[in-house]
Amino acid sequence: MSKKDLVFIFGLTLLMGVIWAVGEVVTGIWIKVPHKFHIVWLVGIVAVTLAVSVWHSVIEDESGLKDPKKEKYERKKNKRKKQ
């Protein structure tokens, strides 16, 4: 796991924690909701966090499969075609 992945996971966790806390405050003070809503809200936030994290890891895995030397060769080849 790279530093970039750790920073992404840490930032995502902080963001979702803030969203969860704001939702709890809003539903606790201004909007009257059933007591079970707080459990559903927590499960929803955790599910969204996990989904975004998995999606990000899949995107990162696909980018790691590309060979840097082959990409450099393709860029040079495309540059020559344009000229």
C-alpha atoms as a PDB file:
ATOM      1  CA  MET A   1       0.000   0.000   0.000  1.00  0.00           C
ATOM      2  CA  SER A   2       1.496   3.306  -1.056  1.00  0.00           C
ATOM      3  CA  LYS A   3       1.490   6.615   0.760  1.00  0.00           C
ATOM      4  CA  LYS A   4      -0.998   7.940  -1.790  1.00  0.00           C
ATOM      5  CA  ASP A   5      -3.470   5.167  -0.881  1.00  0.00           C
ATOM      6  CA  LEU A   6      -3.085   5.821   2.838  1.00  0.00           C
ATOM      7  CA  VAL A   7      -3.685   9.548   2.358  1.00  0.00           C
ATOM      8  CA  PHE A   8      -6.793   8.804   0.282  1.00  0.00           C
ATOM      9  CA  ILE A   9      -8.206   6.379   2.866  1.00  0.00           C
ATOM     10  CA  PHE A  10      -7.456   8.751   5.748  1.00  0.00           C
ATOM     11  CA  GLY A  11      -9.040  11.698   3.914  1.00  0.00           C
ATOM     12  CA  LEU A  12     -12.082   9.652   2.923  1.00  0.00           C
ATOM     13  CA  THR A  13     -12.544   8.471   6.493  1.00  0.00           C
ATOM     14  CA  LEU A  14     -12.323  12.023   7.831  1.00  0.00           C
ATOM     15  CA  LEU A  15     -14.768  13.308   5.220  1.00  0.00           C
ATOM     16  CA  MET A  16     -17.304  10.584   5.918  1.00  0.00           C
ATOM     17  CA  GLY A  17     -16.889  11.102   9.659  1.00  0.00           C
ATOM     18  CA  VAL A  18     -17.692  14.782   9.266  1.00  0.00           C
ATOM     19  CA  ILE A  19     -20.698  14.002   7.040  1.00  0.00           C
ATOM     20  CA  TRP A  20     -21.933  11.446   9.585  1.00  0.00           C
ATOM     21  CA  ALA A  21     -21.519  13.913  12.485  1.00  0.00           C
ATOM     22  CA  VAL A  22     -23.314  16.705  10.626  1.00  0.00           C
ATOM     23  CA  GLY A  23     -26.146  14.316   9.776  1.00  0.00           C
ATOM     24  CA  GLU A  24     -26.417  13.236  13.417  1.00  0.00           C
ATOM     25  CA  VAL A  25     -26.532  16.850  14.596  1.00  0.00           C
ATOM     26  CA  VAL A  26     -29.142  17.834  12.001  1.00  0.00           C
ATOM     27  CA  THR A  27     -31.362  14.837  12.722  1.00  0.00           C
ATOM     28  CA  GLY A  28     -30.901  15.243  16.463  1.00  0.00           C
ATOM     29  CA  ILE A  29     -31.668  18.964  16.679  1.00  0.00           C
ATOM     30  CA  TRP A  30     -33.784  20.141  13.761  1.00  0.00           C
ATOM     31  CA  ILE A  31     -35.388  17.110  12.139  1.00  0.00           C
ATOM     32  CA  LYS A  32     -37.362  14.610  14.182  1.00  0.00           C
ATOM     33  CA  VAL A  33     -36.671  11.091  12.919  1.00  0.00           C
ATOM     34  CA  PRO A  34     -37.400   7.618  14.307  1.00  0.00           C
ATOM     35  CA  HIS A  35     -34.739   6.223  16.627  1.00  0.00           C
ATOM     36  CA  LYS A  36     -33.775   3.488  14.125  1.00  0.00           C
ATOM     37  CA  PHE A  37     -32.847   6.136  11.545  1.00  0.00           C
ATOM     38  CA  HIS A  38     -29.556   6.783  13.357  1.00  0.00           C
ATOM     39  CA  ILE A  39     -28.548   3.145  12.903  1.00  0.00           C
ATOM     40  CA  VAL A  40     -29.535   3.233   9.227  1.00  0.00           C
ATOM     41  CA  TRP A  41     -27.602   6.509   8.805  1.00  0.00           C
ATOM     42  CA  LEU A  42     -24.448   4.937  10.308  1.00  0.00           C
ATOM     43  CA  VAL A  43     -24.738   1.790   8.176  1.00  0.00           C
ATOM     44  CA  GLY A  44     -25.290   3.933   5.068  1.00  0.00           C
ATOM     45  CA  ILE A  45     -22.211   6.058   5.727  1.00  0.00           C
ATOM     46  CA  VAL A  46     -20.058   2.980   6.345  1.00  0.00           C
ATOM     47  CA  ALA A  47     -21.383   1.315   3.167  1.00  0.00           C
ATOM     48  CA  VAL A  48     -20.676   4.397   1.048  1.00  0.00           C
ATOM     49  CA  THR A  49     -17.185   4.704   2.548  1.00  0.00           C
ATOM     50  CA  LEU A  50     -16.400   1.072   1.754  1.00  0.00           C
ATOM     51  CA  ALA A  51     -17.820   1.355  -1.774  1.00  0.00           C
ATOM     52  CA  VAL A  52     -15.733   4.439  -2.576  1.00  0.00           C
ATOM     53  CA  SER A  53     -12.621   2.834  -1.098  1.00  0.00           C
ATOM     54  CA  VAL A  54     -13.063  -0.351  -3.156  1.00  0.00           C
ATOM     55  CA  TRP A  55     -13.814   1.664  -6.296  1.00  0.00           C
ATOM     56  CA  HIS A  56     -10.635   3.696  -5.759  1.00  0.00           C
ATOM     57  CA  SER A  57      -8.530   0.574  -5.261  1.00  0.00           C
ATOM     58  CA  VAL A  58      -9.884  -0.964  -8.475  1.00  0.00           C
ATOM     59  CA  ILE A  59      -9.033   2.206 -10.407  1.00  0.00           C
ATOM     60  CA  GLU A  60      -5.523   2.224  -8.910  1.00  0.00           C
ATOM     61  CA  ASP A  61      -4.980  -1.456  -9.729  1.00  0.00           C
ATOM     62  CA  GLU A  62      -5.804  -0.890 -13.399  1.00  0.00           C
ATOM     63  CA  SER A  63      -3.347   1.992 -13.657  1.00  0.00           C
ATOM     64  CA  GLY A  64      -0.602  -0.183 -12.176  1.00  0.00           C
ATOM     65  CA  LEU A  65      -0.943  -2.763 -14.953  1.00  0.00           C
ATOM     66  CA  LYS A  66       0.365  -0.389 -17.628  1.00  0.00           C
ATOM     67  CA  ASP A  67       4.019  -0.745 -18.536  1.00  0.00           C
ATOM     68  CA  PRO A  68       5.818   2.638 -18.320  1.00  0.00           C
ATOM     69  CA  LYS A  69       8.264   1.743 -21.117  1.00  0.00           C
ATOM     70  CA  LYS A  70       5.451   0.721 -23.439  1.00  0.00           C
ATOM     71  CA  GLU A  71       3.537   3.925 -22.648  1.00  0.00           C
ATOM     72  CA  LYS A  72       6.612   6.018 -23.424  1.00  0.00           C
ATOM     73  CA  TYR A  73       7.026   4.177 -26.730  1.00  0.00           C
ATOM     74  CA  GLU A  74       3.339   4.739 -27.586  1.00  0.00           C
ATOM     75  CA  ARG A  75       3.611   8.471 -26.796  1.00  0.00           C
ATOM     76  CA  LYS A  76       6.653   8.816 -29.033  1.00  0.00           C
ATOM     77  CA  LYS A  77       4.953   6.854 -31.798  1.00  0.00           C
ATOM     78  CA  ASN A  78       1.820   9.014 -31.599  1.00  0.00           C
ATOM     79  CA  LYS A  79       3.930  12.171 -31.559  1.00  0.00           C
ATOM     80  CA  ARG A  80       5.681  11.128 -34.776  1.00  0.00           C
ATOM     81  CA  LYS A  81       2.361  10.375 -36.444  1.00  0.00           C
ATOM     82  CA  LYS A  82       1.104  13.872 -35.659  1.00  0.00           C
ATOM     83  CA  GLN A  83       4.159  15.483 -37.247  1.00  0.00           C
END
